[in-house]
Amino acid sequence: MVLENKALRNKITSILNYYTIKNFDKVIEEANRILKKRPNIDLLWNILGLTYQQRGNFEKAEMNFFRCLQVNPKNISAINNLGNNYKYLFNYSKSKEYLKKALEINPKYLNALVNYGSLQFELNQFSKALELFNQALLIDKNSITVRINLVLIYQSTGDYKKAINLLKEVNKLNPEITRADKMMSALINYNENSEHLLMMEKKLKEFNFNDDQKIFLHFALAKAYEDQKEFLKATEHIEIGNNLKMSSSSYNLEREKKLFKNIKSLFNNYNFKDNQILKSKKKIIFILGMPRSGTTLVEQIISSHPDVYGAGELSFLSRIVYKNFFNNDKINFIDNFEKLTNAELSQISNQYFNFLENFNTDKVYVTDKALFNFQWIGFIKILFPEAKIINCTRDPKDNCLSIYKNLFENEGHWCYNKKELIDCYKLYVDLINFWKKKIPGEVFDIKYEDLIASPKTKIKELISAAGLEWDEKCLKYNENKNAIKTLSVNQARKKIYSTSVSLYEKYKPFIKDFSKYFE
């Protein structure tokens, strides 16, 4: 029996190691093999839940966490993981319930404090998030994770000094956390202070970094050299960073092409006038477009209006569309799409409005700045007939360059490959043109360059297009305290400036083979 227990412990240790190296197939295979004979090992149910969570199968993760809690109702790790899993499922009330339950068992349980703080941050409840993360920092004064989360809050709310000080602390605690360098680069003007630039160059030479660590540094150094107008050096780091990132990313452009084709085919003969969905008290303003096209600036302007709540980038509409209108392959649509009744469509629409209740705002107008909602404009006009759609545009070369020279948290391979980037840009333009032809007058374009050149005129046009009465506060958008959680965290709080206009011309001599893809 002793040998058997030792053998079992070794097998479980092996499974945990497979999880650490992300060999999830092996985790599932080995854990299920043991659980068939020994279903009362709660640790294995928990690790299976985490494995499915890592794979994005949150429903199956939920099932495994529950199996864990059936075996051991006091498994605090599973309770915490289940709470976090509900956040991924957009069930925020359940997420709060389980995270609170974990903290009732142990008020100093760091993982639950961090997850609960992250949930509050996602819901724009920044004071509550700060309180939770500061509690966590008292428990673990050397925690890098807690500091990074605090930085996200401070930079989102415009408290850059505190954010920079915390990032300096991270650098002292562990100089190999190069994500901190990348985050700091967004908050520093290297034309005024090059100390951090020199530190990053030194790190790159002296540390034996892995590719992920190098990626953060190269994109941070690119931004630093651009500030100093050293465009050749900036380009060198942009190219290295993109090549490294591309090798570790995955993206199926052909799949996207098929999806866009299917969207156009679905709506080509659709009659939007048949919809009679009941009006909602909330009025949604969808701000969309390609990354780096000025969407954050536009949301800051619109959410400066006293009647508007700026919700930021909400991914919930995509979830609704995929859940209700797609087959399991997420490319082809359900056969009975055009047979859905107004009552059924209203139920789907209400899923979105019920989700908005998590933000506890009494304002009538709400902005949703999920960029790729341009794919779902047809669904928007079905589910929210009164919604306003603002499409942000920018000079194509400047726009694509800005995407190429920035590191994104969630975008795929296409951002880091010049040809795929421009192919995706063309897909976007083609689909927008389709919507404009199909539902003329429903999409309002705001061009970044026009907004910069004639801010007062264009801001008034923008506010009118959003369905709002004019308010002078919209001209003082840089004083807006609304949180910014995007790459434009620093720029969008400044007064309008023109340095990003025609930026491509400054890089043109150095970035090879870029313009030919526009031909």
Protein backbone atom coordinates (compact mmCIF):
# COMPACT_ATOMS: atom_id res chain seq x y z
CA MET A 1 0.00 0.00 0.00
CA VAL A 2 2.86 2.35 0.80
CA LEU A 3 4.43 1.66 -2.58
CA GLU A 4 1.08 2.18 -4.27
CA ASN A 5 0.60 5.54 -2.53
CA LYS A 6 4.12 6.58 -3.44
CA ALA A 7 3.50 5.58 -7.04
CA LEU A 8 0.26 7.54 -7.02
CA ARG A 9 2.00 10.61 -5.62
CA ASN A 10 4.60 10.34 -8.36
CA LYS A 11 1.88 10.15 -11.02
CA ILE A 12 0.13 13.20 -9.60
CA THR A 13 3.44 15.10 -9.48
CA SER A 14 3.98 14.16 -13.12
CA ILE A 15 0.52 15.51 -14.03
CA LEU A 16 1.27 18.80 -12.25
CA ASN A 17 4.51 19.03 -14.21
CA TYR A 18 2.61 18.46 -17.46
CA TYR A 19 0.31 21.34 -16.49
CA THR A 20 3.30 23.59 -15.76
CA ILE A 21 4.78 23.00 -19.23
CA LYS A 22 1.28 23.37 -20.79
CA ASN A 23 1.08 19.82 -22.10
CA PHE A 24 -2.67 19.87 -21.56
CA ASP A 25 -3.44 16.77 -23.61
CA LYS A 26 -1.24 14.76 -21.28
CA VAL A 27 -2.84 16.33 -18.18
CA ILE A 28 -6.32 15.33 -19.37
CA GLU A 29 -5.24 11.84 -20.40
CA GLU A 30 -3.34 10.99 -17.19
CA ALA A 31 -5.75 12.67 -14.77
CA ASN A 32 -8.78 10.90 -16.26
CA ARG A 33 -6.98 7.58 -16.15
CA ILE A 34 -6.45 7.94 -12.39
CA LEU A 35 -9.89 9.42 -11.68
CA LYS A 36 -11.65 6.43 -13.28
CA LYS A 37 -10.25 4.29 -10.48
CA ARG A 38 -9.98 6.95 -7.76
CA PRO A 39 -12.70 9.59 -8.30
CA ASN A 40 -12.21 11.08 -4.82
CA ILE A 41 -8.92 12.86 -5.52
CA ASP A 42 -10.08 16.49 -5.43
CA LEU A 43 -6.68 17.82 -6.50
CA LEU A 44 -7.00 16.13 -9.90
CA TRP A 45 -10.52 17.47 -10.52
CA ASN A 46 -9.18 20.93 -9.73
CA ILE A 47 -6.21 20.61 -12.08
CA LEU A 48 -8.54 19.34 -14.83
CA GLY A 49 -10.70 22.42 -14.31
CA LEU A 50 -7.67 24.68 -14.65
CA THR A 51 -6.58 22.79 -17.77
CA TYR A 52 -9.91 23.32 -19.53
CA GLN A 53 -9.87 26.94 -18.35
CA GLN A 54 -6.48 27.42 -20.01
CA ARG A 55 -7.95 26.01 -23.22
CA GLY A 56 -10.87 28.42 -23.09
CA ASN A 57 -13.45 25.70 -22.45
CA PHE A 58 -14.97 27.42 -19.43
CA GLU A 59 -18.11 25.28 -19.36
CA LYS A 60 -16.09 22.09 -19.00
CA ALA A 61 -13.81 23.80 -16.49
CA GLU A 62 -16.89 24.66 -14.41
CA MET A 63 -17.98 20.99 -14.41
CA ASN A 64 -14.59 19.82 -13.14
CA PHE A 65 -14.41 22.45 -10.40
CA PHE A 66 -17.84 21.31 -9.21
CA ARG A 67 -16.68 17.68 -9.20
CA CYS A 68 -13.76 18.80 -7.05
CA LEU A 69 -16.11 20.50 -4.59
CA GLN A 70 -18.36 17.44 -4.45
CA VAL A 71 -15.34 15.52 -3.19
CA ASN A 72 -14.13 18.30 -0.91
CA PRO A 73 -16.54 21.23 -0.38
CA LYS A 74 -13.82 23.20 1.44
CA ASN A 75 -11.20 23.06 -1.29
CA ILE A 76 -10.45 26.79 -1.27
CA SER A 77 -8.39 26.60 -4.46
CA ALA A 78 -11.33 25.15 -6.41
CA ILE A 79 -13.73 27.70 -4.89
CA ASN A 80 -11.41 30.50 -5.99
CA ASN A 81 -10.89 28.97 -9.44
CA LEU A 82 -14.64 28.56 -9.90
CA GLY A 83 -15.15 32.22 -9.02
CA ASN A 84 -12.54 33.22 -11.55
CA ASN A 85 -14.08 30.89 -14.13
CA TYR A 86 -17.47 32.59 -13.77
CA LYS A 87 -15.77 35.88 -14.64
CA TYR A 88 -14.66 34.35 -17.94
CA LEU A 89 -18.26 33.23 -18.47
CA PHE A 90 -19.43 36.84 -17.81
CA ASN A 91 -21.47 35.62 -14.84
CA TYR A 92 -20.18 38.32 -12.53
CA SER A 93 -22.70 37.75 -9.72
CA LYS A 94 -21.63 34.09 -9.43
CA SER A 95 -17.99 35.14 -9.69
CA LYS A 96 -18.41 37.49 -6.73
CA GLU A 97 -20.28 34.80 -4.77
CA TYR A 98 -17.50 32.23 -4.99
CA LEU A 99 -14.60 34.66 -4.57
CA LYS A 100 -16.28 36.02 -1.43
CA LYS A 101 -16.80 32.44 -0.23
CA ALA A 102 -13.08 31.77 -0.63
CA LEU A 103 -12.26 34.92 1.34
CA GLU A 104 -14.71 33.93 4.09
CA ILE A 105 -12.75 30.71 4.52
CA ASN A 106 -9.44 32.60 4.50
CA PRO A 107 -9.50 36.44 4.36
CA LYS A 108 -5.76 36.38 3.58
CA TYR A 109 -5.99 34.02 0.61
CA LEU A 110 -3.88 35.92 -1.91
CA ASN A 111 -5.24 34.32 -5.09
CA ALA A 112 -8.84 35.16 -4.19
CA LEU A 113 -7.93 38.74 -3.28
CA VAL A 114 -6.16 39.17 -6.63
CA ASN A 115 -8.99 37.58 -8.61
CA TYR A 116 -11.64 39.61 -6.80
CA GLY A 117 -9.61 42.77 -7.38
CA SER A 118 -9.32 41.92 -11.09
CA LEU A 119 -13.07 41.41 -11.28
CA GLN A 120 -13.72 44.82 -9.70
CA PHE A 121 -11.23 46.37 -12.13
CA GLU A 122 -13.05 44.78 -15.07
CA LEU A 123 -16.30 46.30 -13.77
CA ASN A 124 -14.63 49.74 -13.47
CA GLN A 125 -15.00 49.66 -9.66
CA PHE A 126 -11.53 51.10 -9.12
CA SER A 127 -11.74 52.09 -5.45
CA LYS A 128 -12.87 48.57 -4.53
CA ALA A 129 -10.15 47.06 -6.71
CA LEU A 130 -7.51 49.26 -5.08
CA GLU A 131 -8.71 48.24 -1.63
CA LEU A 132 -8.42 44.53 -2.48
CA PHE A 133 -4.99 44.80 -4.10
CA ASN A 134 -3.65 46.88 -1.23
CA GLN A 135 -4.89 44.19 1.17
CA ALA A 136 -3.04 41.64 -0.94
CA LEU A 137 0.14 43.74 -0.83
CA LEU A 138 0.01 43.76 2.97
CA ILE A 139 -0.08 39.95 2.89
CA ASP A 140 2.76 39.62 0.36
CA LYS A 141 4.83 42.80 0.30
CA ASN A 142 7.09 41.40 -2.45
CA SER A 143 4.31 40.33 -4.83
CA ILE A 144 5.01 41.25 -8.45
CA THR A 145 1.50 40.22 -9.54
CA VAL A 146 -0.19 42.57 -7.07
CA ARG A 147 2.03 45.47 -8.11
CA ILE A 148 1.33 44.90 -11.81
CA ASN A 149 -2.41 44.92 -11.08
CA LEU A 150 -2.07 48.14 -9.09
CA VAL A 151 -0.19 49.66 -12.02
CA LEU A 152 -3.06 48.74 -14.35
CA ILE A 153 -5.47 50.63 -12.10
CA TYR A 154 -3.29 53.71 -11.66
CA GLN A 155 -2.44 54.06 -15.34
CA SER A 156 -6.09 53.49 -16.32
CA THR A 157 -7.23 56.26 -13.99
CA GLY A 158 -4.43 58.64 -14.99
CA ASP A 159 -2.30 58.43 -11.83
CA TYR A 160 0.92 57.91 -13.78
CA LYS A 161 3.31 58.89 -10.98
CA LYS A 162 2.09 56.07 -8.73
CA ALA A 163 2.13 53.66 -11.67
CA ILE A 164 5.75 54.52 -12.53
CA ASN A 165 6.88 54.23 -8.91
CA LEU A 166 5.35 50.76 -8.66
CA LEU A 167 7.01 49.71 -11.91
CA LYS A 168 10.35 50.87 -10.52
CA GLU A 169 9.69 48.69 -7.48
CA VAL A 170 9.04 45.72 -9.79
CA ASN A 171 12.35 46.39 -11.53
CA LYS A 172 14.18 46.33 -8.20
CA LEU A 173 12.41 43.19 -7.00
CA ASN A 174 12.99 41.33 -10.25
CA PRO A 175 14.67 43.05 -13.22
CA GLU A 176 13.74 40.09 -15.43
CA ILE A 177 10.05 41.09 -15.42
CA THR A 178 10.38 42.92 -18.72
CA ARG A 179 6.62 43.40 -18.98
CA ALA A 180 7.16 46.15 -16.40
CA ASP A 181 9.59 47.86 -18.78
CA LYS A 182 7.04 47.71 -21.58
CA MET A 183 4.34 49.17 -19.30
CA MET A 184 6.69 51.94 -18.16
CA SER A 185 7.55 52.83 -21.75
CA ALA A 186 3.93 53.86 -22.34
CA LEU A 187 4.13 56.39 -19.50
CA ILE A 188 7.55 57.97 -20.10
CA ASN A 189 8.63 60.60 -22.60
CA TYR A 190 12.15 59.46 -23.50
CA ASN A 191 12.91 62.76 -25.15
CA GLU A 192 13.00 64.19 -21.63
CA ASN A 193 14.41 61.22 -19.72
CA SER A 194 16.60 58.48 -21.23
CA GLU A 195 17.62 56.76 -17.99
CA HIS A 196 15.16 53.93 -18.45
CA LEU A 197 16.15 53.52 -22.10
CA LEU A 198 19.77 52.95 -21.09
CA MET A 199 18.65 50.48 -18.42
CA MET A 200 16.69 48.47 -21.00
CA GLU A 201 19.62 48.38 -23.43
CA LYS A 202 21.84 47.14 -20.59
CA LYS A 203 19.34 44.44 -19.68
CA LEU A 204 19.17 43.24 -23.27
CA LYS A 205 22.95 42.78 -23.34
CA GLU A 206 23.49 41.31 -19.88
CA PHE A 207 20.51 39.02 -19.26
CA ASN A 208 19.86 35.69 -20.91
CA PHE A 209 16.19 36.42 -21.64
CA ASN A 210 13.73 34.06 -23.30
CA ASP A 211 11.83 35.23 -26.37
CA ASP A 212 8.81 36.45 -24.41
CA GLN A 213 10.99 38.63 -22.21
CA LYS A 214 12.84 39.99 -25.24
CA ILE A 215 9.57 40.85 -27.01
CA PHE A 216 8.54 43.23 -24.22
CA LEU A 217 11.94 44.93 -24.27
CA HIS A 218 12.15 45.36 -28.04
CA PHE A 219 8.73 46.99 -28.29
CA ALA A 220 9.54 49.20 -25.30
CA LEU A 221 12.86 50.26 -26.84
CA ALA A 222 11.13 50.98 -30.15
CA LYS A 223 8.82 53.42 -28.39
CA ALA A 224 11.76 55.01 -26.55
CA TYR A 225 13.75 55.59 -29.73
CA GLU A 226 10.70 56.95 -31.53
CA ASP A 227 10.34 59.52 -28.74
CA GLN A 228 13.94 60.54 -29.47
CA LYS A 229 13.19 60.60 -33.22
CA GLU A 230 15.74 57.84 -33.79
CA PHE A 231 13.52 56.11 -36.36
CA LEU A 232 16.20 53.75 -37.68
CA LYS A 233 16.87 52.35 -34.19
CA ALA A 234 13.15 52.25 -33.48
CA THR A 235 12.60 50.25 -36.67
CA GLU A 236 15.32 47.75 -35.75
CA HIS A 237 13.59 46.96 -32.47
CA ILE A 238 10.13 46.92 -34.11
CA GLU A 239 11.28 44.33 -36.65
CA ILE A 240 12.99 42.11 -34.06
CA GLY A 241 10.01 42.32 -31.72
CA ASN A 242 7.56 41.46 -34.50
CA ASN A 243 9.64 38.54 -35.75
CA LEU A 244 9.87 37.08 -32.25
CA LYS A 245 6.19 37.63 -31.60
CA MET A 246 5.15 36.17 -34.93
CA SER A 247 7.04 32.94 -34.24
CA SER A 248 5.06 32.42 -31.02
CA SER A 249 1.63 33.45 -32.34
CA SER A 250 -1.02 31.71 -34.39
CA TYR A 251 -3.58 33.16 -36.77
CA ASN A 252 -5.62 31.64 -39.56
CA LEU A 253 -6.19 34.33 -42.16
CA GLU A 254 -8.11 31.95 -44.44
CA ARG A 255 -10.54 31.28 -41.60
CA GLU A 256 -11.13 35.02 -41.21
CA LYS A 257 -11.68 35.43 -44.94
CA LYS A 258 -14.30 32.67 -44.86
CA LEU A 259 -15.98 34.24 -41.82
CA PHE A 260 -16.21 37.65 -43.49
CA LYS A 261 -17.52 36.06 -46.68
CA ASN A 262 -20.19 34.19 -44.69
CA ILE A 263 -21.23 37.39 -42.88
CA LYS A 264 -21.79 39.19 -46.18
CA SER A 265 -23.65 36.20 -47.58
CA LEU A 266 -25.90 36.01 -44.50
CA PHE A 267 -26.93 39.67 -44.64
CA ASN A 268 -26.87 40.23 -48.37
CA ASN A 269 -30.65 39.77 -48.74
CA TYR A 270 -31.66 40.37 -45.14
CA ASN A 271 -34.52 42.83 -44.59
CA PHE A 272 -33.77 44.84 -41.45
CA LYS A 273 -37.17 46.55 -41.61
CA ASP A 274 -38.89 43.37 -40.43
CA ASN A 275 -37.47 43.74 -36.90
CA GLN A 276 -39.79 45.08 -34.23
CA ILE A 277 -37.69 44.71 -31.09
CA LEU A 278 -38.97 46.69 -28.10
CA LYS A 279 -37.03 49.83 -27.24
CA SER A 280 -34.66 49.72 -24.30
CA LYS A 281 -34.04 52.36 -21.66
CA LYS A 282 -30.31 52.12 -22.36
CA LYS A 283 -28.98 53.53 -25.62
CA ILE A 284 -25.75 52.00 -26.88
CA ILE A 285 -23.06 53.85 -28.81
CA PHE A 286 -20.79 51.34 -30.53
CA ILE A 287 -17.33 52.75 -31.27
CA LEU A 288 -15.43 50.46 -33.60
CA GLY A 289 -12.69 50.22 -36.20
CA MET A 290 -9.19 48.85 -36.52
CA PRO A 291 -6.77 49.04 -33.57
CA ARG A 292 -4.87 52.35 -33.34
CA SER A 293 -7.48 54.22 -35.40
CA GLY A 294 -8.45 56.71 -32.68
CA THR A 295 -11.21 54.75 -30.96
CA THR A 296 -9.94 55.53 -27.45
CA LEU A 297 -9.83 59.26 -28.19
CA VAL A 298 -13.35 59.12 -29.62
CA GLU A 299 -14.67 57.29 -26.57
CA GLN A 300 -13.00 59.83 -24.28
CA ILE A 301 -14.74 62.64 -26.16
CA ILE A 302 -18.18 61.00 -26.15
CA SER A 303 -17.97 59.81 -22.55
CA SER A 304 -17.13 63.37 -21.48
CA HIS A 305 -20.83 64.05 -22.04
CA PRO A 306 -22.69 64.02 -18.68
CA ASP A 307 -25.32 61.58 -20.03
CA VAL A 308 -22.79 58.96 -21.15
CA TYR A 309 -21.11 56.08 -19.34
CA GLY A 310 -17.88 54.92 -20.99
CA ALA A 311 -17.81 51.15 -20.54
CA GLY A 312 -14.65 50.58 -22.59
CA GLU A 313 -13.91 47.47 -24.66
CA LEU A 314 -16.65 44.95 -23.91
CA SER A 315 -16.22 41.50 -25.44
CA PHE A 316 -19.73 40.41 -24.48
CA LEU A 317 -21.41 41.16 -27.82
CA SER A 318 -19.09 38.71 -29.57
CA ARG A 319 -20.04 36.06 -27.03
CA ILE A 320 -23.75 36.68 -27.66
CA VAL A 321 -23.31 36.51 -31.43
CA TYR A 322 -21.26 33.30 -31.35
CA LYS A 323 -23.57 31.67 -28.80
CA ASN A 324 -26.87 32.48 -30.52
CA PHE A 325 -26.18 32.76 -34.24
CA PHE A 326 -23.28 30.44 -35.05
CA ASN A 327 -22.88 26.70 -35.37
CA ASN A 328 -20.19 25.03 -33.27
CA ASP A 329 -17.50 25.72 -35.88
CA LYS A 330 -17.86 29.49 -35.22
CA ILE A 331 -17.70 30.17 -38.97
CA ASN A 332 -21.08 29.03 -40.31
CA PHE A 333 -24.39 30.40 -39.11
CA ILE A 334 -27.43 28.54 -37.78
CA ASP A 335 -29.86 27.43 -40.50
CA ASN A 336 -32.92 29.13 -39.03
CA PHE A 337 -31.35 32.57 -38.63
CA GLU A 338 -33.96 34.40 -40.71
CA LYS A 339 -36.78 32.53 -38.95
CA LEU A 340 -35.96 33.86 -35.49
CA THR A 341 -38.98 35.71 -34.12
CA ASN A 342 -38.92 39.22 -32.71
CA ALA A 343 -39.54 37.69 -29.27
CA GLU A 344 -36.50 35.42 -29.63
CA LEU A 345 -34.34 38.31 -30.85
CA SER A 346 -35.53 40.44 -27.92
CA GLN A 347 -34.43 37.72 -25.52
CA ILE A 348 -30.98 37.73 -27.11
CA SER A 349 -30.85 41.53 -26.97
CA ASN A 350 -31.75 41.42 -23.27
CA GLN A 351 -28.70 39.24 -22.57
CA TYR A 352 -26.58 42.25 -23.45
CA PHE A 353 -28.61 44.71 -21.37
CA ASN A 354 -28.58 42.32 -18.40
CA PHE A 355 -24.80 42.19 -18.72
CA LEU A 356 -24.60 46.01 -18.63
CA GLU A 357 -26.34 45.98 -15.24
CA ASN A 358 -23.07 44.71 -13.74
CA PHE A 359 -21.62 48.20 -14.24
CA ASN A 360 -24.20 49.84 -11.95
CA THR A 361 -24.64 52.97 -14.04
CA ASP A 362 -27.83 55.02 -14.14
CA LYS A 363 -26.75 56.88 -17.28
CA VAL A 364 -28.95 56.36 -20.33
CA TYR A 365 -26.14 56.24 -22.90
CA VAL A 366 -23.38 53.62 -22.76
CA THR A 367 -20.35 53.31 -25.04
CA ASP A 368 -19.04 49.91 -26.13
CA LYS A 369 -15.58 50.26 -27.67
CA ALA A 370 -14.88 46.68 -28.72
CA LEU A 371 -13.01 47.35 -31.96
CA PHE A 372 -13.96 44.23 -33.88
CA ASN A 373 -17.66 44.80 -33.43
CA PHE A 374 -17.43 46.04 -37.02
CA GLN A 375 -17.91 42.34 -37.87
CA TRP A 376 -21.27 42.37 -36.09
CA ILE A 377 -22.83 45.58 -37.43
CA GLY A 378 -25.65 43.57 -38.99
CA PHE A 379 -26.42 41.92 -35.66
CA ILE A 380 -26.18 45.29 -33.91
CA LYS A 381 -28.89 46.73 -36.15
CA ILE A 382 -31.08 43.67 -35.51
CA LEU A 383 -30.63 43.51 -31.73
CA PHE A 384 -30.28 47.25 -31.02
CA PRO A 385 -32.11 49.15 -33.78
CA GLU A 386 -31.62 52.48 -31.98
CA ALA A 387 -27.89 52.00 -31.43
CA LYS A 388 -25.43 54.49 -32.91
CA ILE A 389 -22.38 53.17 -34.75
CA ILE A 390 -19.20 55.26 -34.92
CA ASN A 391 -16.53 53.89 -37.24
CA CYS A 392 -13.08 55.33 -36.55
CA THR A 393 -10.79 55.65 -39.55
CA ARG A 394 -7.24 56.81 -40.10
CA ASP A 395 -4.80 57.09 -42.98
CA PRO A 396 -4.25 53.41 -43.90
CA LYS A 397 -0.45 53.54 -43.84
CA ASP A 398 -0.32 55.40 -40.53
CA ASN A 399 -2.92 53.02 -39.09
CA CYS A 400 -1.14 49.85 -40.18
CA LEU A 401 2.24 51.20 -39.08
CA SER A 402 0.83 52.02 -35.65
CA ILE A 403 -0.49 48.46 -35.32
CA TYR A 404 2.83 47.01 -36.49
CA LYS A 405 4.94 49.02 -34.06
CA ASN A 406 2.85 48.19 -30.98
CA LEU A 407 2.59 45.10 -28.84
CA PHE A 408 -0.96 43.95 -28.09
CA GLU A 409 -2.20 41.75 -25.26
CA ASN A 410 -4.71 39.71 -27.25
CA GLU A 411 -4.39 40.22 -30.99
CA GLY A 412 -3.12 37.38 -33.14
CA HIS A 413 -0.35 36.66 -35.59
CA TRP A 414 -1.70 39.13 -38.16
CA CYS A 415 -0.48 42.16 -36.16
CA TYR A 416 3.14 41.08 -36.48
CA ASN A 417 3.29 40.16 -40.16
CA LYS A 418 3.19 43.04 -42.65
CA LYS A 419 1.31 41.22 -45.40
CA GLU A 420 -1.27 39.62 -43.09
CA LEU A 421 -1.74 42.93 -41.27
CA ILE A 422 -2.60 44.75 -44.48
CA ASP A 423 -4.73 41.84 -45.73
CA CYS A 424 -6.74 42.12 -42.49
CA TYR A 425 -7.01 45.88 -42.94
CA LYS A 426 -8.42 45.32 -46.44
CA LEU A 427 -10.92 42.78 -45.06
CA TYR A 428 -12.08 45.43 -42.58
CA VAL A 429 -12.48 48.09 -45.30
CA ASP A 430 -14.36 45.69 -47.54
CA LEU A 431 -16.79 44.70 -44.78
CA ILE A 432 -17.39 48.30 -43.69
CA ASN A 433 -18.17 49.21 -47.30
CA PHE A 434 -20.60 46.29 -47.43
CA TRP A 435 -22.46 47.57 -44.34
CA LYS A 436 -22.62 51.11 -45.71
CA LYS A 437 -24.18 49.84 -48.92
CA LYS A 438 -26.55 47.46 -47.13
CA ILE A 439 -27.72 49.88 -44.42
CA PRO A 440 -26.88 53.37 -45.70
CA GLY A 441 -26.72 56.15 -43.13
CA GLU A 442 -26.28 53.78 -40.16
CA VAL A 443 -22.47 53.99 -39.89
CA PHE A 444 -20.87 57.35 -39.10
CA ASP A 445 -17.20 57.71 -40.06
CA ILE A 446 -14.90 59.90 -37.99
CA LYS A 447 -11.47 60.31 -39.52
CA TYR A 448 -8.59 60.76 -37.08
CA GLU A 449 -6.79 63.31 -39.25
CA ASP A 450 -9.94 65.44 -39.61
CA LEU A 451 -10.49 65.33 -35.86
CA ILE A 452 -6.94 66.57 -35.30
CA ALA A 453 -7.20 69.31 -37.95
CA SER A 454 -10.64 70.68 -36.94
CA PRO A 455 -11.35 69.45 -33.41
CA LYS A 456 -14.23 71.72 -32.47
CA THR A 457 -16.16 71.17 -35.71
CA LYS A 458 -15.57 67.42 -35.78
CA ILE A 459 -16.35 66.92 -32.08
CA LYS A 460 -19.72 68.64 -32.57
CA GLU A 461 -20.43 66.38 -35.54
CA LEU A 462 -19.39 63.36 -33.50
CA ILE A 463 -21.66 64.22 -30.57
CA SER A 464 -24.58 64.73 -32.93
CA ALA A 465 -23.89 61.38 -34.64
CA ALA A 466 -23.92 59.70 -31.23
CA GLY A 467 -27.49 60.96 -30.75
CA LEU A 468 -26.58 63.42 -28.00
CA GLU A 469 -27.41 67.05 -27.29
CA TRP A 470 -24.38 69.31 -27.42
CA ASP A 471 -22.44 69.85 -24.19
CA GLU A 472 -19.30 72.01 -23.83
CA LYS A 473 -17.70 69.35 -21.60
CA CYS A 474 -17.02 67.33 -24.73
CA LEU A 475 -14.42 69.90 -25.80
CA LYS A 476 -12.58 69.27 -22.51
CA TYR A 477 -12.33 65.52 -23.04
CA ASN A 478 -8.73 65.53 -21.73
CA GLU A 479 -10.17 66.32 -18.29
CA ASN A 480 -12.39 63.23 -18.47
CA LYS A 481 -11.68 60.89 -15.54
CA ASN A 482 -13.13 57.89 -17.36
CA ALA A 483 -10.76 54.92 -17.18
CA ILE A 484 -8.60 54.02 -20.18
CA LYS A 485 -7.51 50.39 -20.40
CA THR A 486 -5.98 50.38 -23.88
CA LEU A 487 -2.56 51.09 -25.40
CA SER A 488 -3.64 54.73 -25.71
CA VAL A 489 -3.70 55.05 -21.93
CA ASN A 490 -1.40 58.09 -22.00
CA GLN A 491 -2.16 59.77 -25.35
CA ALA A 492 -5.94 59.97 -24.97
CA ARG A 493 -5.64 62.09 -21.79
CA LYS A 494 -3.69 64.79 -23.60
CA LYS A 495 -5.04 67.66 -25.63
CA ILE A 496 -5.26 66.92 -29.34
CA TYR A 497 -1.81 66.77 -30.93
CA SER A 498 -0.65 66.12 -34.49
CA THR A 499 2.62 64.22 -34.07
CA SER A 500 1.00 60.90 -35.05
CA VAL A 501 -0.28 62.29 -38.35
CA SER A 502 1.85 61.18 -41.34
CA LEU A 503 4.13 59.24 -38.99
CA TYR A 504 4.54 56.63 -41.71
CA GLU A 505 6.66 59.07 -43.76
CA LYS A 506 9.26 59.17 -40.97
CA TYR A 507 9.53 55.38 -40.91
CA LYS A 508 9.24 54.89 -44.68
CA PRO A 509 13.02 54.86 -45.39
CA PHE A 510 13.59 52.12 -42.81
CA ILE A 511 10.61 49.73 -42.83
CA LYS A 512 11.13 47.56 -45.88
CA ASP A 513 8.42 46.10 -48.11
CA PHE A 514 5.58 47.81 -46.24
CA SER A 515 3.98 50.10 -48.78
CA LYS A 516 3.97 47.51 -51.59
CA TYR A 517 1.21 45.58 -49.82
CA PHE A 518 -1.12 48.56 -50.25
CA GLU A 519 -0.79 48.39 -54.02
